[in-house]
All heavy atoms as atom14 arrays in JSON, in Angstrom:
{
  "sequence": "FTISRGSAQNTVYLEMNSLKPEDTAVYYCSARGILGTHWGQGTQVTV",
  "atom14_mask": [
    [1, 1, 1, 1, 1, 1, 1, 1, 1, 1, 1, 0, 0, 0],
    [1, 1, 1, 1, 1, 1, 1, 0, 0, 0, 0, 0, 0, 0],
    [1, 1, 1, 1, 1, 1, 1, 1, 0, 0, 0, 0, 0, 0],
    [1, 1, 1, 1, 1, 1, 0, 0, 0, 0, 0, 0, 0, 0],
    [1, 1, 1, 1, 1, 1, 1, 1, 1, 1, 1, 0, 0, 0],
    [1, 1, 1, 1, 0, 0, 0, 0, 0, 0, 0, 0, 0, 0],
    [1, 1, 1, 1, 1, 1, 0, 0, 0, 0, 0, 0, 0, 0],
    [1, 1, 1, 1, 1, 0, 0, 0, 0, 0, 0, 0, 0, 0],
    [1, 1, 1, 1, 1, 1, 1, 1, 1, 0, 0, 0, 0, 0],
    [1, 1, 1, 1, 1, 1, 1, 1, 0, 0, 0, 0, 0, 0],
    [1, 1, 1, 1, 1, 1, 1, 0, 0, 0, 0, 0, 0, 0],
    [1, 1, 1, 1, 1, 1, 1, 0, 0, 0, 0, 0, 0, 0],
    [1, 1, 1, 1, 1, 1, 1, 1, 1, 1, 1, 1, 0, 0],
    [1, 1, 1, 1, 1, 1, 1, 1, 0, 0, 0, 0, 0, 0],
    [1, 1, 1, 1, 1, 1, 1, 1, 1, 0, 0, 0, 0, 0],
    [1, 1, 1, 1, 1, 1, 1, 1, 0, 0, 0, 0, 0, 0],
    [1, 1, 1, 1, 1, 1, 1, 1, 0, 0, 0, 0, 0, 0],
    [1, 1, 1, 1, 1, 1, 0, 0, 0, 0, 0, 0, 0, 0],
    [1, 1, 1, 1, 1, 1, 1, 1, 0, 0, 0, 0, 0, 0],
    [1, 1, 1, 1, 1, 1, 1, 1, 1, 0, 0, 0, 0, 0],
    [1, 1, 1, 1, 1, 1, 1, 0, 0, 0, 0, 0, 0, 0],
    [1, 1, 1, 1, 1, 1, 1, 1, 1, 0, 0, 0, 0, 0],
    [1, 1, 1, 1, 1, 1, 1, 1, 0, 0, 0, 0, 0, 0],
    [1, 1, 1, 1, 1, 1, 1, 0, 0, 0, 0, 0, 0, 0],
    [1, 1, 1, 1, 1, 0, 0, 0, 0, 0, 0, 0, 0, 0],
    [1, 1, 1, 1, 1, 1, 1, 0, 0, 0, 0, 0, 0, 0],
    [1, 1, 1, 1, 1, 1, 1, 1, 1, 1, 1, 1, 0, 0],
    [1, 1, 1, 1, 1, 1, 1, 1, 1, 1, 1, 1, 0, 0],
    [1, 1, 1, 1, 1, 1, 0, 0, 0, 0, 0, 0, 0, 0],
    [1, 1, 1, 1, 1, 1, 0, 0, 0, 0, 0, 0, 0, 0],
    [1, 1, 1, 1, 1, 0, 0, 0, 0, 0, 0, 0, 0, 0],
    [1, 1, 1, 1, 1, 1, 1, 1, 1, 1, 1, 0, 0, 0],
    [1, 1, 1, 1, 0, 0, 0, 0, 0, 0, 0, 0, 0, 0],
    [1, 1, 1, 1, 1, 1, 1, 1, 0, 0, 0, 0, 0, 0],
    [1, 1, 1, 1, 1, 1, 1, 1, 0, 0, 0, 0, 0, 0],
    [1, 1, 1, 1, 0, 0, 0, 0, 0, 0, 0, 0, 0, 0],
    [1, 1, 1, 1, 1, 1, 1, 0, 0, 0, 0, 0, 0, 0],
    [1, 1, 1, 1, 1, 1, 1, 1, 1, 1, 0, 0, 0, 0],
    [1, 1, 1, 1, 1, 1, 1, 1, 1, 1, 1, 1, 1, 1],
    [1, 1, 1, 1, 0, 0, 0, 0, 0, 0, 0, 0, 0, 0],
    [1, 1, 1, 1, 1, 1, 1, 1, 1, 0, 0, 0, 0, 0],
    [1, 1, 1, 1, 0, 0, 0, 0, 0, 0, 0, 0, 0, 0],
    [1, 1, 1, 1, 1, 1, 1, 0, 0, 0, 0, 0, 0, 0],
    [1, 1, 1, 1, 1, 1, 1, 1, 1, 0, 0, 0, 0, 0],
    [1, 1, 1, 1, 1, 1, 1, 0, 0, 0, 0, 0, 0, 0],
    [1, 1, 1, 1, 1, 1, 1, 0, 0, 0, 0, 0, 0, 0],
    [1, 1, 1, 1, 1, 1, 1, 0, 0, 0, 0, 0, 0, 0]
  ],
  "atom14_positions": [
    [[40.23, 29.82, -26.94], [41.59, 30.35, -26.81], [41.78, 31.53, -27.76], [41.2, 31.58, -28.84], [42.61, 29.27, -27.16], [42.7, 28.12, -26.19], [41.79, 27.92, -25.19], [43.75, 27.22, -26.3], [41.9, 26.86, -24.3], [43.89, 26.15, -25.43], [42.94, 25.97, -24.43], [0.0, 0.0, 0.0], [0.0, 0.0, 0.0], [0.0, 0.0, 0.0]],
    [[42.65, 32.45, -27.34], [42.98, 33.59, -28.19], [44.49, 33.83, -28.15], [45.08, 33.95, -27.07], [42.27, 34.87, -27.7], [40.86, 34.66, -27.69], [42.61, 36.05, -28.62], [0.0, 0.0, 0.0], [0.0, 0.0, 0.0], [0.0, 0.0, 0.0], [0.0, 0.0, 0.0], [0.0, 0.0, 0.0], [0.0, 0.0, 0.0], [0.0, 0.0, 0.0]],
    [[45.1, 33.88, -29.34], [46.52, 34.19, -29.44], [46.68, 35.66, -29.81], [45.9, 36.2, -30.6], [47.21, 33.27, -30.48], [48.73, 33.44, -30.44], [46.67, 33.51, -31.88], [49.5, 32.42, -31.27], [0.0, 0.0, 0.0], [0.0, 0.0, 0.0], [0.0, 0.0, 0.0], [0.0, 0.0, 0.0], [0.0, 0.0, 0.0], [0.0, 0.0, 0.0]],
    [[47.7, 36.29, -29.25], [47.93, 37.7, -29.56], [49.4, 38.04, -29.39], [50.14, 37.32, -28.7], [47.07, 38.6, -28.67], [47.4, 38.43, -27.31], [0.0, 0.0, 0.0], [0.0, 0.0, 0.0], [0.0, 0.0, 0.0], [0.0, 0.0, 0.0], [0.0, 0.0, 0.0], [0.0, 0.0, 0.0], [0.0, 0.0, 0.0], [0.0, 0.0, 0.0]],
    [[49.81, 39.12, -30.01], [51.18, 39.61, -29.85], [51.17, 40.81, -28.9], [50.23, 41.6, -28.91], [51.77, 40.06, -31.19], [52.03, 38.93, -32.19], [52.66, 39.48, -33.44], [52.87, 38.47, -34.46], [54.01, 37.81, -34.64], [55.05, 38.06, -33.84], [54.13, 36.91, -35.59], [0.0, 0.0, 0.0], [0.0, 0.0, 0.0], [0.0, 0.0, 0.0]],
    [[52.22, 40.94, -28.12], [52.35, 42.1, -27.28], [52.74, 43.32, -28.09], [53.26, 43.21, -29.2], [0.0, 0.0, 0.0], [0.0, 0.0, 0.0], [0.0, 0.0, 0.0], [0.0, 0.0, 0.0], [0.0, 0.0, 0.0], [0.0, 0.0, 0.0], [0.0, 0.0, 0.0], [0.0, 0.0, 0.0], [0.0, 0.0, 0.0], [0.0, 0.0, 0.0]],
    [[52.49, 44.5, -27.53], [52.76, 45.74, -28.25], [54.25, 45.93, -28.53], [54.63, 46.58, -29.49], [52.23, 46.93, -27.46], [52.82, 46.96, -26.17], [0.0, 0.0, 0.0], [0.0, 0.0, 0.0], [0.0, 0.0, 0.0], [0.0, 0.0, 0.0], [0.0, 0.0, 0.0], [0.0, 0.0, 0.0], [0.0, 0.0, 0.0], [0.0, 0.0, 0.0]],
    [[55.08, 45.35, -27.7], [56.53, 45.48, -27.9], [57.07, 44.49, -28.93], [58.24, 44.52, -29.25], [57.25, 45.26, -26.57], [0.0, 0.0, 0.0], [0.0, 0.0, 0.0], [0.0, 0.0, 0.0], [0.0, 0.0, 0.0], [0.0, 0.0, 0.0], [0.0, 0.0, 0.0], [0.0, 0.0, 0.0], [0.0, 0.0, 0.0], [0.0, 0.0, 0.0]],
    [[56.18, 43.63, -29.46], [56.55, 42.67, -30.52], [57.58, 41.65, -30.09], [58.16, 40.98, -30.95], [57.03, 43.42, -31.77], [55.94, 44.23, -32.45], [54.88, 43.37, -33.09], [55.14, 42.27, -33.53], [53.64, 43.85, -33.1], [0.0, 0.0, 0.0], [0.0, 0.0, 0.0], [0.0, 0.0, 0.0], [0.0, 0.0, 0.0], [0.0, 0.0, 0.0]],
    [[57.87, 41.53, -28.8], [58.74, 40.46, -28.37], [58.03, 39.47, -27.45], [58.68, 38.68, -26.77], [59.97, 41.03, -27.69], [59.65, 41.68, -26.36], [58.51, 42.11, -26.14], [60.62, 41.78, -25.47], [0.0, 0.0, 0.0], [0.0, 0.0, 0.0], [0.0, 0.0, 0.0], [0.0, 0.0, 0.0], [0.0, 0.0, 0.0], [0.0, 0.0, 0.0]],
    [[56.71, 39.56, -27.42], [55.92, 38.64, -26.61], [54.73, 38.12, -27.41], [54.22, 38.81, -28.29], [55.4, 39.3, -25.33], [54.71, 40.51, -25.68], [56.52, 39.61, -24.36], [0.0, 0.0, 0.0], [0.0, 0.0, 0.0], [0.0, 0.0, 0.0], [0.0, 0.0, 0.0], [0.0, 0.0, 0.0], [0.0, 0.0, 0.0], [0.0, 0.0, 0.0]],
    [[54.34, 36.92, -27.07], [53.13, 36.31, -27.62], [52.37, 35.72, -26.45], [52.96, 35.12, -25.54], [53.45, 35.22, -28.64], [52.18, 34.56, -29.16], [54.23, 35.79, -29.83], [0.0, 0.0, 0.0], [0.0, 0.0, 0.0], [0.0, 0.0, 0.0], [0.0, 0.0, 0.0], [0.0, 0.0, 0.0], [0.0, 0.0, 0.0], [0.0, 0.0, 0.0]],
    [[51.05, 35.88, -26.49], [50.22, 35.39, -25.41], [49.23, 34.36, -25.94], [48.86, 34.36, -27.1], [49.43, 36.55, -24.79], [50.3, 37.66, -24.26], [50.49, 38.84, -24.98], [50.96, 37.53, -23.03], [51.29, 39.85, -24.51], [51.76, 38.54, -22.55], [51.92, 39.71, -23.29], [52.72, 40.72, -22.81], [0.0, 0.0, 0.0], [0.0, 0.0, 0.0]],
    [[48.82, 33.5, -25.04], [47.72, 32.57, -25.32], [46.75, 32.66, -24.16], [47.04, 32.16, -23.06], [48.22, 31.14, -25.51], [47.14, 30.14, -25.91], [46.65, 30.43, -27.33], [47.65, 28.7, -25.81], [0.0, 0.0, 0.0], [0.0, 0.0, 0.0], [0.0, 0.0, 0.0], [0.0, 0.0, 0.0], [0.0, 0.0, 0.0], [0.0, 0.0, 0.0]],
    [[45.61, 33.3, -24.42], [44.56, 33.37, -23.41], [43.67, 32.15, -23.56], [43.14, 31.88, -24.64], [43.74, 34.65, -23.6], [42.62, 34.8, -22.59], [41.78, 36.05, -22.84], [42.16, 36.86, -23.71], [40.74, 36.18, -22.18], [0.0, 0.0, 0.0], [0.0, 0.0, 0.0], [0.0, 0.0, 0.0], [0.0, 0.0, 0.0], [0.0, 0.0, 0.0]],
    [[43.54, 31.4, -22.48], [42.78, 30.13, -22.52], [41.6, 30.25, -21.56], [41.79, 30.46, -20.36], [43.68, 28.97, -22.13], [44.95, 28.88, -22.97], [45.96, 27.42, -22.59], [46.46, 27.79, -20.91], [0.0, 0.0, 0.0], [0.0, 0.0, 0.0], [0.0, 0.0, 0.0], [0.0, 0.0, 0.0], [0.0, 0.0, 0.0], [0.0, 0.0, 0.0]],
    [[40.4, 30.09, -22.08], [39.18, 30.14, -21.3], [38.42, 28.83, -21.42], [38.67, 28.03, -22.33], [38.3, 31.3, -21.78], [38.96, 32.65, -21.6], [39.44, 32.98, -20.52], [38.99, 33.45, -22.66], [0.0, 0.0, 0.0], [0.0, 0.0, 0.0], [0.0, 0.0, 0.0], [0.0, 0.0, 0.0], [0.0, 0.0, 0.0], [0.0, 0.0, 0.0]],
    [[37.5, 28.63, -20.52], [36.67, 27.41, -20.54], [37.53, 26.16, -20.64], [37.26, 25.27, -21.47], [35.66, 27.49, -21.68], [34.85, 28.63, -21.55], [0.0, 0.0, 0.0], [0.0, 0.0, 0.0], [0.0, 0.0, 0.0], [0.0, 0.0, 0.0], [0.0, 0.0, 0.0], [0.0, 0.0, 0.0], [0.0, 0.0, 0.0], [0.0, 0.0, 0.0]],
    [[38.55, 26.1, -19.84], [39.49, 24.98, -19.94], [38.84, 23.66, -19.57], [37.97, 23.6, -18.7], [40.71, 25.26, -19.05], [41.69, 26.25, -19.65], [42.59, 26.83, -18.57], [42.52, 25.6, -20.74], [0.0, 0.0, 0.0], [0.0, 0.0, 0.0], [0.0, 0.0, 0.0], [0.0, 0.0, 0.0], [0.0, 0.0, 0.0], [0.0, 0.0, 0.0]],
    [[39.29, 22.62, -20.28], [38.78, 21.26, -20.09], [39.93, 20.35, -19.65], [41.09, 20.63, -19.94], [38.21, 20.74, -21.41], [37.17, 21.63, -22.04], [36.77, 21.09, -23.4], [35.75, 21.99, -24.08], [35.36, 21.48, -25.41], [0.0, 0.0, 0.0], [0.0, 0.0, 0.0], [0.0, 0.0, 0.0], [0.0, 0.0, 0.0], [0.0, 0.0, 0.0]],
    [[39.61, 19.25, -18.98], [40.67, 18.32, -18.6], [41.51, 17.87, -19.79], [42.72, 17.66, -19.63], [39.89, 17.15, -17.98], [38.65, 17.78, -17.43], [38.29, 18.86, -18.4], [0.0, 0.0, 0.0], [0.0, 0.0, 0.0], [0.0, 0.0, 0.0], [0.0, 0.0, 0.0], [0.0, 0.0, 0.0], [0.0, 0.0, 0.0], [0.0, 0.0, 0.0]],
    [[40.92, 17.75, -20.95], [41.67, 17.31, -22.13], [42.63, 18.39, -22.66], [43.4, 18.12, -23.57], [40.74, 16.86, -23.25], [39.63, 17.83, -23.6], [38.32, 17.51, -22.9], [38.35, 17.19, -21.68], [37.27, 17.59, -23.57], [0.0, 0.0, 0.0], [0.0, 0.0, 0.0], [0.0, 0.0, 0.0], [0.0, 0.0, 0.0], [0.0, 0.0, 0.0]],
    [[42.58, 19.59, -22.1], [43.55, 20.62, -22.44], [44.86, 20.44, -21.67], [45.83, 21.16, -21.9], [43.0, 22.02, -22.16], [41.83, 22.38, -23.07], [41.9, 22.07, -24.28], [40.86, 22.97, -22.55], [0.0, 0.0, 0.0], [0.0, 0.0, 0.0], [0.0, 0.0, 0.0], [0.0, 0.0, 0.0], [0.0, 0.0, 0.0], [0.0, 0.0, 0.0]],
    [[44.88, 19.52, -20.73], [46.1, 19.25, -19.96], [47.21, 18.81, -20.89], [47.06, 17.87, -21.67], [45.83, 18.15, -18.92], [44.87, 18.64, -17.97], [47.11, 17.77, -18.19], [0.0, 0.0, 0.0], [0.0, 0.0, 0.0], [0.0, 0.0, 0.0], [0.0, 0.0, 0.0], [0.0, 0.0, 0.0], [0.0, 0.0, 0.0], [0.0, 0.0, 0.0]],
    [[48.34, 19.51, -20.82], [49.47, 19.23, -21.7], [50.62, 20.16, -21.35], [50.46, 21.09, -20.56], [49.09, 19.44, -23.18], [0.0, 0.0, 0.0], [0.0, 0.0, 0.0], [0.0, 0.0, 0.0], [0.0, 0.0, 0.0], [0.0, 0.0, 0.0], [0.0, 0.0, 0.0], [0.0, 0.0, 0.0], [0.0, 0.0, 0.0], [0.0, 0.0, 0.0]],
    [[51.77, 19.89, -21.95], [52.86, 20.86, -21.94], [52.67, 21.76, -23.15], [52.54, 21.25, -24.28], [54.23, 20.17, -21.99], [55.35, 21.23, -22.04], [54.41, 19.28, -20.77], [0.0, 0.0, 0.0], [0.0, 0.0, 0.0], [0.0, 0.0, 0.0], [0.0, 0.0, 0.0], [0.0, 0.0, 0.0], [0.0, 0.0, 0.0], [0.0, 0.0, 0.0]],
    [[52.66, 23.04, -22.93], [52.43, 24.01, -24.0], [53.76, 24.66, -24.38], [54.51, 25.11, -23.5], [51.43, 25.06, -23.55], [50.01, 24.56, -23.56], [49.56, 23.65, -22.62], [49.11, 24.98, -24.54], [48.28, 23.15, -22.65], [47.81, 24.5, -24.57], [47.4, 23.59, -23.62], [46.11, 23.1, -23.66], [0.0, 0.0, 0.0], [0.0, 0.0, 0.0]],
    [[54.02, 24.67, -25.67], [55.29, 25.2, -26.21], [55.03, 26.42, -27.09], [54.1, 26.42, -27.92], [56.0, 24.15, -27.05], [56.43, 22.92, -26.29], [55.58, 21.82, -26.16], [57.7, 22.86, -25.71], [55.98, 20.69, -25.47], [58.1, 21.73, -25.01], [57.23, 20.65, -24.9], [57.63, 19.54, -24.21], [0.0, 0.0, 0.0], [0.0, 0.0, 0.0]],
    [[55.86, 27.4, -26.93], [55.86, 28.56, -27.81], [56.79, 28.28, -28.99], [57.84, 27.62, -28.81], [56.35, 29.78, -27.04], [56.47, 31.29, -27.99], [0.0, 0.0, 0.0], [0.0, 0.0, 0.0], [0.0, 0.0, 0.0], [0.0, 0.0, 0.0], [0.0, 0.0, 0.0], [0.0, 0.0, 0.0], [0.0, 0.0, 0.0], [0.0, 0.0, 0.0]],
    [[56.44, 28.76, -30.16], [57.29, 28.55, -31.34], [57.43, 29.84, -32.13], [56.57, 30.71, -32.09], [56.7, 27.47, -32.25], [55.53, 27.95, -32.89], [0.0, 0.0, 0.0], [0.0, 0.0, 0.0], [0.0, 0.0, 0.0], [0.0, 0.0, 0.0], [0.0, 0.0, 0.0], [0.0, 0.0, 0.0], [0.0, 0.0, 0.0], [0.0, 0.0, 0.0]],
    [[58.53, 29.91, -32.87], [58.76, 31.02, -33.78], [59.32, 30.46, -35.07], [60.42, 29.88, -35.08], [59.75, 32.02, -33.17], [0.0, 0.0, 0.0], [0.0, 0.0, 0.0], [0.0, 0.0, 0.0], [0.0, 0.0, 0.0], [0.0, 0.0, 0.0], [0.0, 0.0, 0.0], [0.0, 0.0, 0.0], [0.0, 0.0, 0.0], [0.0, 0.0, 0.0]],
    [[58.52, 30.54, -36.14], [58.91, 29.95, -37.43], [59.42, 31.03, -38.37], [58.7, 32.0, -38.67], [57.75, 29.19, -38.03], [58.03, 28.61, -39.41], [56.98, 27.57, -39.78], [55.62, 28.08, -39.68], [54.98, 28.71, -40.64], [55.6, 28.95, -41.78], [53.75, 29.12, -40.47], [0.0, 0.0, 0.0], [0.0, 0.0, 0.0], [0.0, 0.0, 0.0]],
    [[60.66, 30.86, -38.8], [61.25, 31.82, -39.72], [61.78, 31.12, -40.97], [61.52, 29.94, -41.18], [0.0, 0.0, 0.0], [0.0, 0.0, 0.0], [0.0, 0.0, 0.0], [0.0, 0.0, 0.0], [0.0, 0.0, 0.0], [0.0, 0.0, 0.0], [0.0, 0.0, 0.0], [0.0, 0.0, 0.0], [0.0, 0.0, 0.0], [0.0, 0.0, 0.0]],
    [[62.51, 31.88, -41.76], [63.03, 31.35, -43.03], [63.97, 30.18, -42.81], [63.99, 29.21, -43.57], [63.75, 32.47, -43.8], [62.75, 33.57, -44.18], [64.43, 31.93, -45.03], [63.39, 34.77, -44.82], [0.0, 0.0, 0.0], [0.0, 0.0, 0.0], [0.0, 0.0, 0.0], [0.0, 0.0, 0.0], [0.0, 0.0, 0.0], [0.0, 0.0, 0.0]],
    [[64.74, 30.24, -41.73], [65.77, 29.22, -41.49], [65.29, 28.07, -40.61], [66.06, 27.15, -40.35], [66.99, 29.88, -40.86], [67.67, 30.97, -41.7], [68.88, 31.54, -40.96], [68.1, 30.41, -43.05], [0.0, 0.0, 0.0], [0.0, 0.0, 0.0], [0.0, 0.0, 0.0], [0.0, 0.0, 0.0], [0.0, 0.0, 0.0], [0.0, 0.0, 0.0]],
    [[64.04, 28.11, -40.18], [63.55, 27.01, -39.37], [62.68, 27.48, -38.22], [62.31, 28.65, -38.16], [0.0, 0.0, 0.0], [0.0, 0.0, 0.0], [0.0, 0.0, 0.0], [0.0, 0.0, 0.0], [0.0, 0.0, 0.0], [0.0, 0.0, 0.0], [0.0, 0.0, 0.0], [0.0, 0.0, 0.0], [0.0, 0.0, 0.0], [0.0, 0.0, 0.0]],
    [[62.36, 26.57, -37.34], [61.47, 26.85, -36.22], [62.22, 26.74, -34.91], [62.98, 25.79, -34.68], [60.28, 25.87, -36.2], [59.55, 26.01, -37.43], [59.35, 26.17, -35.05], [0.0, 0.0, 0.0], [0.0, 0.0, 0.0], [0.0, 0.0, 0.0], [0.0, 0.0, 0.0], [0.0, 0.0, 0.0], [0.0, 0.0, 0.0], [0.0, 0.0, 0.0]],
    [[62.0, 27.73, -34.05], [62.59, 27.73, -32.72], [61.5, 27.42, -31.69], [60.33, 27.76, -31.88], [63.19, 29.11, -32.42], [64.18, 29.56, -33.45], [65.5, 29.17, -33.43], [64.02, 30.34, -34.55], [66.13, 29.71, -34.46], [65.26, 30.41, -35.17], [0.0, 0.0, 0.0], [0.0, 0.0, 0.0], [0.0, 0.0, 0.0], [0.0, 0.0, 0.0]],
    [[61.93, 26.76, -30.61], [60.98, 26.32, -29.58], [61.43, 26.77, -28.2], [62.64, 26.86, -27.91], [60.87, 24.79, -29.57], [60.35, 24.21, -30.84], [61.09, 23.76, -31.9], [58.98, 24.03, -31.21], [60.25, 23.3, -32.89], [58.96, 23.44, -32.48], [57.78, 24.28, -30.56], [57.76, 23.13, -33.15], [56.59, 23.96, -31.21], [56.59, 23.39, -32.49]],
    [[60.43, 27.02, -27.35], [60.72, 27.25, -25.96], [60.81, 25.92, -25.22], [60.67, 24.85, -25.83], [0.0, 0.0, 0.0], [0.0, 0.0, 0.0], [0.0, 0.0, 0.0], [0.0, 0.0, 0.0], [0.0, 0.0, 0.0], [0.0, 0.0, 0.0], [0.0, 0.0, 0.0], [0.0, 0.0, 0.0], [0.0, 0.0, 0.0], [0.0, 0.0, 0.0]],
    [[61.01, 25.99, -23.92], [61.18, 24.76, -23.14], [59.85, 24.17, -22.68], [59.8, 23.03, -22.23], [62.07, 25.05, -21.9], [61.33, 25.65, -20.71], [60.89, 27.08, -20.91], [61.3, 27.75, -21.85], [60.05, 27.57, -19.99], [0.0, 0.0, 0.0], [0.0, 0.0, 0.0], [0.0, 0.0, 0.0], [0.0, 0.0, 0.0], [0.0, 0.0, 0.0]],
    [[58.77, 24.91, -22.83], [57.45, 24.41, -22.48], [57.01, 24.78, -21.08], [57.84, 25.03, -20.2], [0.0, 0.0, 0.0], [0.0, 0.0, 0.0], [0.0, 0.0, 0.0], [0.0, 0.0, 0.0], [0.0, 0.0, 0.0], [0.0, 0.0, 0.0], [0.0, 0.0, 0.0], [0.0, 0.0, 0.0], [0.0, 0.0, 0.0], [0.0, 0.0, 0.0]],
    [[55.71, 24.86, -20.9], [55.12, 25.13, -19.58], [53.92, 24.19, -19.41], [53.11, 24.02, -20.31], [54.73, 26.59, -19.45], [54.26, 26.85, -18.12], [53.65, 27.02, -20.43], [0.0, 0.0, 0.0], [0.0, 0.0, 0.0], [0.0, 0.0, 0.0], [0.0, 0.0, 0.0], [0.0, 0.0, 0.0], [0.0, 0.0, 0.0], [0.0, 0.0, 0.0]],
    [[53.85, 23.59, -18.24], [52.8, 22.6, -17.96], [51.48, 23.29, -17.62], [51.45, 24.19, -16.78], [53.22, 21.69, -16.81], [52.17, 20.68, -16.38], [51.98, 19.58, -17.39], [52.94, 19.02, -17.94], [50.7, 19.24, -17.67], [0.0, 0.0, 0.0], [0.0, 0.0, 0.0], [0.0, 0.0, 0.0], [0.0, 0.0, 0.0], [0.0, 0.0, 0.0]],
    [[50.43, 22.83, -18.26], [49.06, 23.23, -17.92], [48.3, 22.0, -17.51], [48.23, 21.01, -18.26], [48.37, 23.92, -19.11], [46.89, 24.16, -18.81], [49.06, 25.23, -19.45], [0.0, 0.0, 0.0], [0.0, 0.0, 0.0], [0.0, 0.0, 0.0], [0.0, 0.0, 0.0], [0.0, 0.0, 0.0], [0.0, 0.0, 0.0], [0.0, 0.0, 0.0]],
    [[47.74, 22.02, -16.32], [46.96, 20.91, -15.81], [45.57, 21.39, -15.45], [45.42, 22.33, -14.66], [47.63, 20.28, -14.58], [48.95, 19.85, -14.92], [46.84, 19.09, -14.07], [0.0, 0.0, 0.0], [0.0, 0.0, 0.0], [0.0, 0.0, 0.0], [0.0, 0.0, 0.0], [0.0, 0.0, 0.0], [0.0, 0.0, 0.0], [0.0, 0.0, 0.0]],
    [[44.58, 20.77, -16.06], [43.19, 21.12, -15.81], [42.54, 19.97, -15.03], [42.32, 18.88, -15.59], [42.41, 21.4, -17.11], [40.99, 21.87, -16.78], [43.15, 22.42, -17.95], [0.0, 0.0, 0.0], [0.0, 0.0, 0.0], [0.0, 0.0, 0.0], [0.0, 0.0, 0.0], [0.0, 0.0, 0.0], [0.0, 0.0, 0.0], [0.0, 0.0, 0.0]]
  ]
}
């Protein structure tokens, strides 16, 4: 897997290769700042 930021600095990507059945999960994006951590609603990945 590779995590990266978009050039516009308002996006984050997760490139996932060689996926395995055990990678099946709901994947959540997070943003951790001084006042706490924010979460997205999640996206399902099924291998």
